[in-house]
C-alpha atoms as a PDB file:
ATOM      1  CA  MET A   1      93.677  91.160 101.521  1.00  0.00           C
ATOM      2  CA  SER A   2      92.084  94.384 100.327  1.00  0.00           C
ATOM      3  CA  GLY A   3      94.395  97.145 101.558  1.00  0.00           C
ATOM      4  CA  VAL A   4      91.640  99.780 101.745  1.00  0.00           C
ATOM      5  CA  ASN A   5      91.235 102.307 104.544  1.00  0.00           C
ATOM      6  CA  ILE A   6      87.621 101.339 105.134  1.00  0.00           C
ATOM      7  CA  LEU A   7      86.877 103.861 107.875  1.00  0.00           C
ATOM      8  CA  ARG A   8      88.134 106.735 105.689  1.00  0.00           C
ATOM      9  CA  ALA A   9      86.024 105.466 102.780  1.00  0.00           C
ATOM     10  CA  VAL A  10      82.973 105.397 105.059  1.00  0.00           C
ATOM     11  CA  GLU A  11      83.735 108.858 106.495  1.00  0.00           C
ATOM     12  CA  ASN A  12      83.911 110.271 102.957  1.00  0.00           C
ATOM     13  CA  ILE A  13      80.434 109.132 101.961  1.00  0.00           C
ATOM     14  CA  ARG A  14      78.733 112.315 100.898  1.00  0.00           C
ATOM     15  CA  SER A  15      75.424 113.553 102.109  1.00  0.00           C
ATOM     16  CA  GLY A  16      72.403 112.246 100.281  1.00  0.00           C
ATOM     17  CA  THR A  17      72.337 108.986 102.191  1.00  0.00           C
ATOM     18  CA  THR A  18      70.088 108.188 105.116  1.00  0.00           C
ATOM     19  CA  VAL A  19      69.807 105.364 107.606  1.00  0.00           C
ATOM     20  CA  TYR A  20      67.454 103.761 105.040  1.00  0.00           C
ATOM     21  CA  THR A  21      70.169 103.693 102.329  1.00  0.00           C
ATOM     22  CA  PRO A  22      71.879 100.498 103.586  1.00  0.00           C
ATOM     23  CA  VAL A  23      68.549  98.666 103.816  1.00  0.00           C
ATOM     24  CA  ILE A  24      67.650  99.703 100.271  1.00  0.00           C
ATOM     25  CA  GLU A  25      71.117  98.640  99.105  1.00  0.00           C
ATOM     26  CA  LEU A  26      70.716  95.171 100.629  1.00  0.00           C
ATOM     27  CA  ILE A  27      67.239  94.710  99.151  1.00  0.00           C
ATOM     28  CA  VAL A  28      68.412  95.771  95.674  1.00  0.00           C
ATOM     29  CA  ASN A  29      71.361  93.354  95.917  1.00  0.00           C
ATOM     30  CA  ALA A  30      68.978  90.559  96.944  1.00  0.00           C
ATOM     31  CA  ILE A  31      66.731  91.269  93.946  1.00  0.00           C
ATOM     32  CA  GLN A  32      69.756  91.227  91.620  1.00  0.00           C
ATOM     33  CA  ALA A  33      70.919  87.898  93.097  1.00  0.00           C
ATOM     34  CA  ILE A  34      67.478  86.404  92.493  1.00  0.00           C
ATOM     35  CA  ARG A  35      67.467  87.613  88.882  1.00  0.00           C
ATOM     36  CA  LEU A  36      70.837  85.944  88.331  1.00  0.00           C
ATOM     37  CA  SER A  37      69.555  82.668  89.762  1.00  0.00           C
ATOM     38  CA  LYS A  38      66.621  82.734  87.325  1.00  0.00           C
ATOM     39  CA  ALA A  39      64.495  81.057  89.989  1.00  0.00           C
ATOM     40  CA  LYS A  40      60.741  81.453  89.782  1.00  0.00           C
ATOM     41  CA  GLY A  41      58.691  82.428  92.813  1.00  0.00           C
ATOM     42  CA  SER A  42      61.706  83.778  94.672  1.00  0.00           C
ATOM     43  CA  LEU A  43      61.560  85.766  97.871  1.00  0.00           C
ATOM     44  CA  VAL A  44      63.347  88.643  99.578  1.00  0.00           C
ATOM     45  CA  ASP A  45      62.711  88.663 103.320  1.00  0.00           C
ATOM     46  CA  VAL A  46      63.490  91.695 105.493  1.00  0.00           C
ATOM     47  CA  MET A  47      63.636  91.193 109.253  1.00  0.00           C
ATOM     48  CA  ILE A  48      63.875  94.122 111.660  1.00  0.00           C
ATOM     49  CA  LEU A  49      66.243  93.580 114.590  1.00  0.00           C
ATOM     50  CA  ARG A  50      65.217  95.353 117.778  1.00  0.00           C
ATOM     51  CA  SER A  51      66.834  96.245 121.052  1.00  0.00           C
ATOM     52  CA  ARG A  52      65.699  94.127 123.976  1.00  0.00           C
ATOM     53  CA  GLN A  53      65.003  97.362 125.860  1.00  0.00           C
ATOM     54  CA  THR A  54      61.439  98.441 125.078  1.00  0.00           C
ATOM     55  CA  ASP A  55      60.163 101.983 124.958  1.00  0.00           C
ATOM     56  CA  LEU A  56      57.780 102.861 127.786  1.00  0.00           C
ATOM     57  CA  GLU A  57      55.547 104.808 125.415  1.00  0.00           C
ATOM     58  CA  ASP A  58      54.770 102.167 122.806  1.00  0.00           C
ATOM     59  CA  GLY A  59      56.357  98.978 124.134  1.00  0.00           C
ATOM     60  CA  ILE A  60      58.484  98.491 121.004  1.00  0.00           C
ATOM     61  CA  GLY A  61      62.258  98.124 121.148  1.00  0.00           C
ATOM     62  CA  GLU A  62      64.418 100.525 119.166  1.00  0.00           C
ATOM     63  CA  VAL A  63      65.522  99.343 115.722  1.00  0.00           C
ATOM     64  CA  ASP A  64      69.085  98.012 115.965  1.00  0.00           C
ATOM     65  CA  GLY A  65      69.487  96.483 112.508  1.00  0.00           C
ATOM     66  CA  PHE A  66      68.102  94.365 109.699  1.00  0.00           C
ATOM     67  CA  ILE A  67      68.541  90.930 108.164  1.00  0.00           C
ATOM     68  CA  VAL A  68      67.864  90.703 104.427  1.00  0.00           C
ATOM     69  CA  SER A  69      67.545  87.153 103.095  1.00  0.00           C
ATOM     70  CA  ASP A  70      67.101  85.941  99.528  1.00  0.00           C
ATOM     71  CA  ASP A  71      67.106  82.714  97.559  1.00  0.00           C
ATOM     72  CA  GLY A  72      69.330  84.133  94.842  1.00  0.00           C
ATOM     73  CA  ILE A  73      72.625  82.983  93.369  1.00  0.00           C
ATOM     74  CA  GLY A  74      74.662  83.333  96.569  1.00  0.00           C
ATOM     75  CA  PHE A  75      78.174  84.668  97.109  1.00  0.00           C
ATOM     76  CA  ASN A  76      80.038  82.544  94.582  1.00  0.00           C
ATOM     77  CA  GLU A  77      83.698  83.364  93.915  1.00  0.00           C
ATOM     78  CA  GLN A  78      82.849  86.096  91.386  1.00  0.00           C
ATOM     79  CA  HIS A  79      80.434  87.863  93.729  1.00  0.00           C
ATOM     80  CA  ARG A  80      82.712  87.418  96.727  1.00  0.00           C
ATOM     81  CA  ASN A  81      85.604  89.008  94.812  1.00  0.00           C
ATOM     82  CA  SER A  82      83.340  91.845  93.709  1.00  0.00           C
ATOM     83  CA  PHE A  83      82.357  92.474  97.352  1.00  0.00           C
ATOM     84  CA  ASP A  84      86.084  92.556  98.204  1.00  0.00           C
ATOM     85  CA  THR A  85      86.812  95.197  95.537  1.00  0.00           C
ATOM     86  CA  ILE A  86      86.088  98.861  96.158  1.00  0.00           C
ATOM     87  CA  TYR A  87      84.267 100.411  93.181  1.00  0.00           C
ATOM     88  CA  SER A  88      83.752  96.975  91.639  1.00  0.00           C
ATOM     89  CA  ALA A  89      82.364  97.078  88.099  1.00  0.00           C
ATOM     90  CA  LEU A  90      80.419  93.789  88.344  1.00  0.00           C
ATOM     91  CA  LYS A  91      77.013  95.487  88.555  1.00  0.00           C
ATOM     92  CA  ALA A  92      77.873  98.628  86.575  1.00  0.00           C
ATOM     93  CA  LYS A  93      75.500  97.733  83.727  1.00  0.00           C
ATOM     94  CA  ASP A  94      72.671  97.651  86.299  1.00  0.00           C
ATOM     95  CA  GLY A  95      73.611 101.086  87.651  1.00  0.00           C
ATOM     96  CA  GLY A  96      75.764  99.784  90.509  1.00  0.00           C
ATOM     97  CA  LYS A  97      78.693 101.921  91.564  1.00  0.00           C
ATOM     98  CA  GLY A  98      80.512  99.217  93.527  1.00  0.00           C
ATOM     99  CA  PHE A  99      80.336 101.158  96.777  1.00  0.00           C
ATOM    100  CA  GLY A 100      76.929 100.508  98.354  1.00  0.00           C
ATOM    101  CA  ARG A 101      78.118  98.096 101.017  1.00  0.00           C
ATOM    102  CA  PHE A 102      80.156 100.908 102.567  1.00  0.00           C
ATOM    103  CA  THR A 103      76.953 102.812 103.346  1.00  0.00           C
ATOM    104  CA  CYS A 104      76.091  99.937 105.687  1.00  0.00           C
ATOM    105  CA  LEU A 105      79.107 100.773 107.848  1.00  0.00           C
ATOM    106  CA  LYS A 106      78.227 104.461 107.829  1.00  0.00           C
ATOM    107  CA  TYR A 107      75.054 103.723 109.789  1.00  0.00           C
ATOM    108  CA  PHE A 108      75.685 100.301 111.396  1.00  0.00           C
ATOM    109  CA  GLU A 109      78.629  98.823 113.315  1.00  0.00           C
ATOM    110  CA  ASN A 110      78.482  95.358 111.754  1.00  0.00           C
ATOM    111  CA  LEU A 111      77.788  93.675 108.428  1.00  0.00           C
ATOM    112  CA  SER A 112      77.874  89.883 108.188  1.00  0.00           C
ATOM    113  CA  VAL A 113      77.085  87.474 105.369  1.00  0.00           C
ATOM    114  CA  GLN A 114      75.922  83.848 105.412  1.00  0.00           C
ATOM    115  CA  SER A 115      75.540  82.375 101.940  1.00  0.00           C
ATOM    116  CA  VAL A 116      75.113  79.147 100.002  1.00  0.00           C
ATOM    117  CA  PHE A 117      76.245  79.054  96.373  1.00  0.00           C
ATOM    118  CA  PHE A 118      76.642  76.380  93.700  1.00  0.00           C
ATOM    119  CA  GLU A 119      80.087  76.028  92.177  1.00  0.00           C
ATOM    120  CA  ASP A 120      82.039  73.211  90.544  1.00  0.00           C
ATOM    121  CA  GLY A 121      79.023  70.902  90.705  1.00  0.00           C
ATOM    122  CA  ARG A 122      78.388  71.202  94.444  1.00  0.00           C
ATOM    123  CA  PHE A 123      76.803  73.445  97.039  1.00  0.00           C
ATOM    124  CA  ARG A 124      79.206  75.454  99.192  1.00  0.00           C
ATOM    125  CA  ALA A 125      78.655  77.679 102.217  1.00  0.00           C
ATOM    126  CA  ARG A 126      80.468  80.975 102.694  1.00  0.00           C
ATOM    127  CA  SER A 127      80.353  83.279 105.687  1.00  0.00           C
ATOM    128  CA  PHE A 128      82.269  86.464 106.415  1.00  0.00           C
ATOM    129  CA  ASN A 129      82.109  89.854 108.060  1.00  0.00           C
ATOM    130  CA  MET A 130      82.858  93.221 106.535  1.00  0.00           C
ATOM    131  CA  GLY A 131      86.011  94.623 108.062  1.00  0.00           C
ATOM    132  CA  THR A 132      86.471  98.101 109.468  1.00  0.00           C
ATOM    133  CA  ALA A 133      90.252  98.455 109.141  1.00  0.00           C
ATOM    134  CA  THR A 134      91.993  97.621 105.834  1.00  0.00           C
ATOM    135  CA  ASP A 135      90.438  94.343 104.700  1.00  0.00           C
ATOM    136  CA  ILE A 136      86.915  94.434 103.286  1.00  0.00           C
ATOM    137  CA  ILE A 137      86.310  90.726 103.951  1.00  0.00           C
ATOM    138  CA  VAL A 138      87.340  89.322 107.345  1.00  0.00           C
ATOM    139  CA  ASN A 139      86.651  86.095 109.233  1.00  0.00           C
ATOM    140  CA  GLU A 140      85.825  84.257 106.012  1.00  0.00           C
ATOM    141  CA  ASP A 141      84.906  80.599 106.091  1.00  0.00           C
ATOM    142  CA  VAL A 142      84.106  78.473 103.028  1.00  0.00           C
ATOM    143  CA  SER A 143      83.030  74.859 103.340  1.00  0.00           C
ATOM    144  CA  ASP A 144      80.994  72.132 101.713  1.00  0.00           C
ATOM    145  CA  THR A 145      77.383  72.045 102.853  1.00  0.00           C
ATOM    146  CA  GLU A 146      74.435  69.691 102.739  1.00  0.00           C
ATOM    147  CA  ALA A 147      72.200  72.577 101.637  1.00  0.00           C
ATOM    148  CA  THR A 148      70.289  71.992  98.404  1.00  0.00           C
ATOM    149  CA  ALA A 149      69.411  75.587  97.521  1.00  0.00           C
ATOM    150  CA  THR A 150      71.361  78.796  97.049  1.00  0.00           C
ATOM    151  CA  GLY A 151      70.759  82.066  98.831  1.00  0.00           C
ATOM    152  CA  SER A 152      72.177  84.661 101.167  1.00  0.00           C
ATOM    153  CA  GLN A 153      71.451  86.309 104.462  1.00  0.00           C
ATOM    154  CA  VAL A 154      73.050  89.695 105.091  1.00  0.00           C
ATOM    155  CA  ARG A 155      72.837  91.181 108.571  1.00  0.00           C
ATOM    156  CA  ILE A 156      73.533  94.778 109.548  1.00  0.00           C
ATOM    157  CA  ASP A 157      73.309  95.683 113.214  1.00  0.00           C
ATOM    158  CA  GLY A 158      74.615  97.974 115.909  1.00  0.00           C
ATOM    159  CA  ILE A 159      73.028 101.205 114.733  1.00  0.00           C
ATOM    160  CA  LYS A 160      75.439 104.143 115.050  1.00  0.00           C
ATOM    161  CA  ARG A 161      75.136 107.685 116.380  1.00  0.00           C
ATOM    162  CA  THR A 162      71.433 107.972 115.928  1.00  0.00           C
ATOM    163  CA  ARG A 163      68.181 106.289 116.617  1.00  0.00           C
ATOM    164  CA  PHE A 164      66.359 104.806 113.682  1.00  0.00           C
ATOM    165  CA  PRO A 165      63.714 107.427 112.859  1.00  0.00           C
ATOM    166  CA  ASP A 166      60.793 105.014 112.726  1.00  0.00           C
ATOM    167  CA  LYS A 167      60.098 102.024 114.922  1.00  0.00           C
ATOM    168  CA  GLY A 168      56.853 100.599 113.630  1.00  0.00           C
ATOM    169  CA  ILE A 169      56.936  98.033 110.853  1.00  0.00           C
ATOM    170  CA  ASP A 170      54.120  99.835 109.018  1.00  0.00           C
ATOM    171  CA  THR A 171      56.044 103.111 108.984  1.00  0.00           C
ATOM    172  CA  ILE A 172      59.311 101.474 107.920  1.00  0.00           C
ATOM    173  CA  SER A 173      57.516  99.589 105.137  1.00  0.00           C
ATOM    174  CA  ARG A 174      55.754 102.744 103.985  1.00  0.00           C
ATOM    175  CA  ASP A 175      59.088 104.579 103.789  1.00  0.00           C
ATOM    176  CA  LEU A 176      60.808 101.771 101.856  1.00  0.00           C
ATOM    177  CA  LEU A 177      58.018 100.795  99.463  1.00  0.00           C
ATOM    178  CA  PRO A 178      58.135 103.867  97.158  1.00  0.00           C
ATOM    179  CA  VAL A 179      61.769 103.103  96.330  1.00  0.00           C
ATOM    180  CA  PHE A 180      60.775  99.770  94.792  1.00  0.00           C
ATOM    181  CA  ARG A 181      57.517 100.712  93.077  1.00  0.00           C
ATOM    182  CA  PRO A 182      57.668 101.799  89.450  1.00  0.00           C
ATOM    183  CA  PRO A 183      56.640 105.419  88.950  1.00  0.00           C
ATOM    184  CA  ILE A 184      53.041 105.993  87.948  1.00  0.00           C
ATOM    185  CA  SER A 185      52.890 107.763  84.607  1.00  0.00           C
END
């Protein structure tokens, strides 16, 4: 039980964020999870979720959300507890402020996690949603699994108040790519 007024925390997110901020946050978290797993040849996959209603002009549905998947370390107990702690210090040495997941709820109605992690000599599955009242983690389920690899899938959907500014995958990719490329000197 977190005891945080999540909606007030989300309302107090200062300007300087955009609808792209949650997507960037999820991708950065996926990269960090992969680094912790020390796996070679790992992958971050970003899937665009679209409305079933297509636009008459270009035949593409509006962006409704994203699913970011990785084959990183997964939401083990340490990472789960960090997620459940506002301003967590777990990723402070990497520049994390412990608040990024709240930007997801600023722009999207829902955040859900499906994860496989390795703990105590066995693979376990964990799923949960991010709450919008006072508990950061809600509807959590942890169980043994037959999975043989770790990883996570984080889904944000139900875009709020605004349309996503870009619909085409090329445009979205072009807007996200500069964030992850090292500066040219």
